[in-house]
Amino acid sequence: MREIHTDDAPSAIGPFSQAMQDGDRIYVSGQGPVDPESGEIVSEDIKEQTAQTLENLETILEAADASLDDVLKTNVYVTNMDNYDAVNEVYAEYMSEPYPARAAMEVSRLPIDIGVEIELVARSE
């Protein structure tokens, strides 16, 4: 088991790692729409938030020598299910077919004031 960390993605805001690799699996902690350089939320627009979230996930996977093409499963958390279609629109731009298995759920709050958080499991070669 090894920790995956990159300064090119937001730092963890609690006692957890950006990602952990165990054998041929990479487990990436929930990421949100935080700009890794400024530490600020990128926008209030849910599409921009989703894009930054996926960029952060991609950066962490790259630190583990993987990519979004290696994603097996995602969990998507939104604070307003009315944003589901907008999140899906951006998600489909980053993920390729066959799409990963996925769960999507509305949550009342996230650790910071954001509209979307995504975690994932990917394979490693």
C-alpha atoms as a PDB file:
ATOM      1  CA  MET A   1       0.000   0.000   0.000  1.00  0.00           C
ATOM      2  CA  ARG A   2       1.316   3.464  -0.852  1.00  0.00           C
ATOM      3  CA  GLU A   3       0.114   7.027  -0.515  1.00  0.00           C
ATOM      4  CA  ILE A   4      -0.413   9.074  -3.671  1.00  0.00           C
ATOM      5  CA  HIS A   5       0.132  12.808  -3.281  1.00  0.00           C
ATOM      6  CA  THR A   6       0.661  15.715  -5.646  1.00  0.00           C
ATOM      7  CA  ASP A   7       1.033  19.418  -4.980  1.00  0.00           C
ATOM      8  CA  ASP A   8      -0.841  19.983  -8.265  1.00  0.00           C
ATOM      9  CA  ALA A   9      -4.155  19.068  -6.600  1.00  0.00           C
ATOM     10  CA  PRO A  10      -5.744  20.528  -3.461  1.00  0.00           C
ATOM     11  CA  SER A  11      -4.359  19.283  -0.166  1.00  0.00           C
ATOM     12  CA  ALA A  12      -6.540  17.143   2.065  1.00  0.00           C
ATOM     13  CA  ILE A  13      -8.588  19.170   4.553  1.00  0.00           C
ATOM     14  CA  GLY A  14      -8.591  16.464   7.191  1.00  0.00           C
ATOM     15  CA  PRO A  15      -6.767  13.342   8.335  1.00  0.00           C
ATOM     16  CA  PHE A  16      -6.839  11.554   4.984  1.00  0.00           C
ATOM     17  CA  SER A  17      -4.704  11.127   1.862  1.00  0.00           C
ATOM     18  CA  GLN A  18      -5.472  12.430  -1.600  1.00  0.00           C
ATOM     19  CA  ALA A  19      -5.280   8.813  -2.732  1.00  0.00           C
ATOM     20  CA  MET A  20      -4.011   5.392  -1.739  1.00  0.00           C
ATOM     21  CA  GLN A  21      -2.809   2.637  -4.024  1.00  0.00           C
ATOM     22  CA  ASP A  22      -3.176  -0.978  -2.985  1.00  0.00           C
ATOM     23  CA  GLY A  23      -1.976  -3.467  -5.550  1.00  0.00           C
ATOM     24  CA  ASP A  24      -3.620  -2.655  -8.851  1.00  0.00           C
ATOM     25  CA  ARG A  25      -6.279  -0.338  -7.388  1.00  0.00           C
ATOM     26  CA  ILE A  26      -6.133   3.407  -6.721  1.00  0.00           C
ATOM     27  CA  TYR A  27      -8.637   4.868  -4.267  1.00  0.00           C
ATOM     28  CA  VAL A  28      -8.975   8.634  -4.673  1.00  0.00           C
ATOM     29  CA  SER A  29     -10.566  10.616  -1.858  1.00  0.00           C
ATOM     30  CA  GLY A  30     -13.442  12.947  -2.616  1.00  0.00           C
ATOM     31  CA  GLN A  31     -12.348  16.008  -4.543  1.00  0.00           C
ATOM     32  CA  GLY A  32     -14.139  19.276  -5.039  1.00  0.00           C
ATOM     33  CA  PRO A  33     -13.849  22.412  -7.160  1.00  0.00           C
ATOM     34  CA  VAL A  34     -10.877  23.949  -5.375  1.00  0.00           C
ATOM     35  CA  ASP A  35      -8.108  25.610  -7.375  1.00  0.00           C
ATOM     36  CA  PRO A  36      -4.902  23.929  -6.185  1.00  0.00           C
ATOM     37  CA  GLU A  37      -2.841  27.120  -6.553  1.00  0.00           C
ATOM     38  CA  SER A  38      -5.121  29.591  -4.768  1.00  0.00           C
ATOM     39  CA  GLY A  39      -6.973  27.183  -2.491  1.00  0.00           C
ATOM     40  CA  GLU A  40     -10.204  28.946  -3.473  1.00  0.00           C
ATOM     41  CA  ILE A  41     -13.437  27.507  -4.864  1.00  0.00           C
ATOM     42  CA  VAL A  42     -13.311  28.162  -8.616  1.00  0.00           C
ATOM     43  CA  SER A  43     -16.868  29.380  -9.155  1.00  0.00           C
ATOM     44  CA  GLU A  44     -20.460  29.139  -8.024  1.00  0.00           C
ATOM     45  CA  ASP A  45     -21.389  27.710 -11.451  1.00  0.00           C
ATOM     46  CA  ILE A  46     -21.974  23.959 -11.111  1.00  0.00           C
ATOM     47  CA  LYS A  47     -20.495  23.167 -14.541  1.00  0.00           C
ATOM     48  CA  GLU A  48     -17.274  25.002 -13.700  1.00  0.00           C
ATOM     49  CA  GLN A  49     -17.225  23.314 -10.299  1.00  0.00           C
ATOM     50  CA  THR A  50     -17.634  19.889 -11.896  1.00  0.00           C
ATOM     51  CA  ALA A  51     -14.880  20.555 -14.432  1.00  0.00           C
ATOM     52  CA  GLN A  52     -12.413  21.636 -11.726  1.00  0.00           C
ATOM     53  CA  THR A  53     -13.342  18.632  -9.599  1.00  0.00           C
ATOM     54  CA  LEU A  54     -12.610  16.276 -12.488  1.00  0.00           C
ATOM     55  CA  GLU A  55      -9.361  18.131 -13.271  1.00  0.00           C
ATOM     56  CA  ASN A  56      -8.280  17.601  -9.653  1.00  0.00           C
ATOM     57  CA  LEU A  57      -9.121  13.904  -9.856  1.00  0.00           C
ATOM     58  CA  GLU A  58      -7.235  13.580 -13.134  1.00  0.00           C
ATOM     59  CA  THR A  59      -4.157  15.264 -11.639  1.00  0.00           C
ATOM     60  CA  ILE A  60      -4.118  12.850  -8.703  1.00  0.00           C
ATOM     61  CA  LEU A  61      -4.482   9.870 -11.038  1.00  0.00           C
ATOM     62  CA  GLU A  62      -1.591  11.168 -13.139  1.00  0.00           C
ATOM     63  CA  ALA A  63       0.556  11.222  -9.976  1.00  0.00           C
ATOM     64  CA  ALA A  64      -0.184   7.481  -9.758  1.00  0.00           C
ATOM     65  CA  ASP A  65       0.651   6.925 -13.457  1.00  0.00           C
ATOM     66  CA  ALA A  66      -3.025   6.461 -14.317  1.00  0.00           C
ATOM     67  CA  SER A  67      -5.726   8.483 -16.069  1.00  0.00           C
ATOM     68  CA  LEU A  68      -9.470   8.977 -16.159  1.00  0.00           C
ATOM     69  CA  ASP A  69      -9.564   6.148 -18.720  1.00  0.00           C
ATOM     70  CA  ASP A  70      -8.610   3.794 -15.864  1.00  0.00           C
ATOM     71  CA  VAL A  71     -11.568   4.727 -13.643  1.00  0.00           C
ATOM     72  CA  LEU A  72     -13.743   1.796 -12.611  1.00  0.00           C
ATOM     73  CA  LYS A  73     -16.195   3.418 -10.171  1.00  0.00           C
ATOM     74  CA  THR A  74     -17.173   6.899  -9.057  1.00  0.00           C
ATOM     75  CA  ASN A  75     -19.399   8.314  -6.369  1.00  0.00           C
ATOM     76  CA  VAL A  76     -20.825  11.737  -7.156  1.00  0.00           C
ATOM     77  CA  TYR A  77     -22.224  13.892  -4.357  1.00  0.00           C
ATOM     78  CA  VAL A  78     -24.307  16.969  -5.197  1.00  0.00           C
ATOM     79  CA  THR A  79     -25.932  19.379  -2.796  1.00  0.00           C
ATOM     80  CA  ASN A  80     -28.824  20.001  -5.189  1.00  0.00           C
ATOM     81  CA  MET A  81     -30.164  17.229  -7.414  1.00  0.00           C
ATOM     82  CA  ASP A  82     -31.515  19.936  -9.741  1.00  0.00           C
ATOM     83  CA  ASN A  83     -27.870  20.221 -10.879  1.00  0.00           C
ATOM     84  CA  TYR A  84     -27.715  16.530 -11.861  1.00  0.00           C
ATOM     85  CA  ASP A  85     -28.054  17.125 -15.614  1.00  0.00           C
ATOM     86  CA  ALA A  86     -25.409  19.876 -15.635  1.00  0.00           C
ATOM     87  CA  VAL A  87     -22.993  17.678 -13.670  1.00  0.00           C
ATOM     88  CA  ASN A  88     -23.640  14.791 -16.096  1.00  0.00           C
ATOM     89  CA  GLU A  89     -22.985  17.015 -19.100  1.00  0.00           C
ATOM     90  CA  VAL A  90     -19.500  17.921 -17.859  1.00  0.00           C
ATOM     91  CA  TYR A  91     -18.827  14.428 -16.484  1.00  0.00           C
ATOM     92  CA  ALA A  92     -19.469  12.944 -19.955  1.00  0.00           C
ATOM     93  CA  GLU A  93     -16.833  15.302 -21.436  1.00  0.00           C
ATOM     94  CA  TYR A  94     -14.149  13.868 -19.128  1.00  0.00           C
ATOM     95  CA  MET A  95     -15.128  10.201 -18.969  1.00  0.00           C
ATOM     96  CA  SER A  96     -15.080   7.862 -21.933  1.00  0.00           C
ATOM     97  CA  GLU A  97     -17.133   4.824 -22.856  1.00  0.00           C
ATOM     98  CA  PRO A  98     -17.567   2.357 -21.408  1.00  0.00           C
ATOM     99  CA  TYR A  99     -18.374   4.727 -18.575  1.00  0.00           C
ATOM    100  CA  PRO A 100     -17.347   3.753 -15.046  1.00  0.00           C
ATOM    101  CA  ALA A 101     -19.883   2.276 -12.659  1.00  0.00           C
ATOM    102  CA  ARG A 102     -21.310   5.134 -10.613  1.00  0.00           C
ATOM    103  CA  ALA A 103     -23.517   6.195  -7.763  1.00  0.00           C
ATOM    104  CA  ALA A 104     -24.911   9.720  -7.538  1.00  0.00           C
ATOM    105  CA  MET A 105     -26.598  11.134  -4.494  1.00  0.00           C
ATOM    106  CA  GLU A 106     -27.844  14.389  -3.075  1.00  0.00           C
ATOM    107  CA  VAL A 107     -26.314  15.361   0.249  1.00  0.00           C
ATOM    108  CA  SER A 108     -27.351  18.159   2.575  1.00  0.00           C
ATOM    109  CA  ARG A 109     -23.818  19.496   3.063  1.00  0.00           C
ATOM    110  CA  LEU A 110     -20.229  18.930   2.071  1.00  0.00           C
ATOM    111  CA  PRO A 111     -17.139  19.816   4.163  1.00  0.00           C
ATOM    112  CA  ILE A 112     -16.818  23.156   2.359  1.00  0.00           C
ATOM    113  CA  ASP A 113     -19.483  25.253   0.610  1.00  0.00           C
ATOM    114  CA  ILE A 114     -19.435  23.545  -2.797  1.00  0.00           C
ATOM    115  CA  GLY A 115     -22.054  21.985  -5.053  1.00  0.00           C
ATOM    116  CA  VAL A 116     -20.252  18.795  -6.084  1.00  0.00           C
ATOM    117  CA  GLU A 117     -17.704  16.302  -4.788  1.00  0.00           C
ATOM    118  CA  ILE A 118     -16.511  13.171  -6.597  1.00  0.00           C
ATOM    119  CA  GLU A 119     -14.491  10.196  -5.347  1.00  0.00           C
ATOM    120  CA  LEU A 120     -13.304   7.285  -7.439  1.00  0.00           C
ATOM    121  CA  VAL A 121     -11.585   3.929  -7.737  1.00  0.00           C
ATOM    122  CA  ALA A 122      -9.260   3.283 -10.685  1.00  0.00           C
ATOM    123  CA  ARG A 123      -7.074   0.460 -11.905  1.00  0.00           C
ATOM    124  CA  SER A 124      -3.340   0.697 -12.116  1.00  0.00           C
ATOM    125  CA  GLU A 125      -1.199  -1.136 -14.642  1.00  0.00           C
END
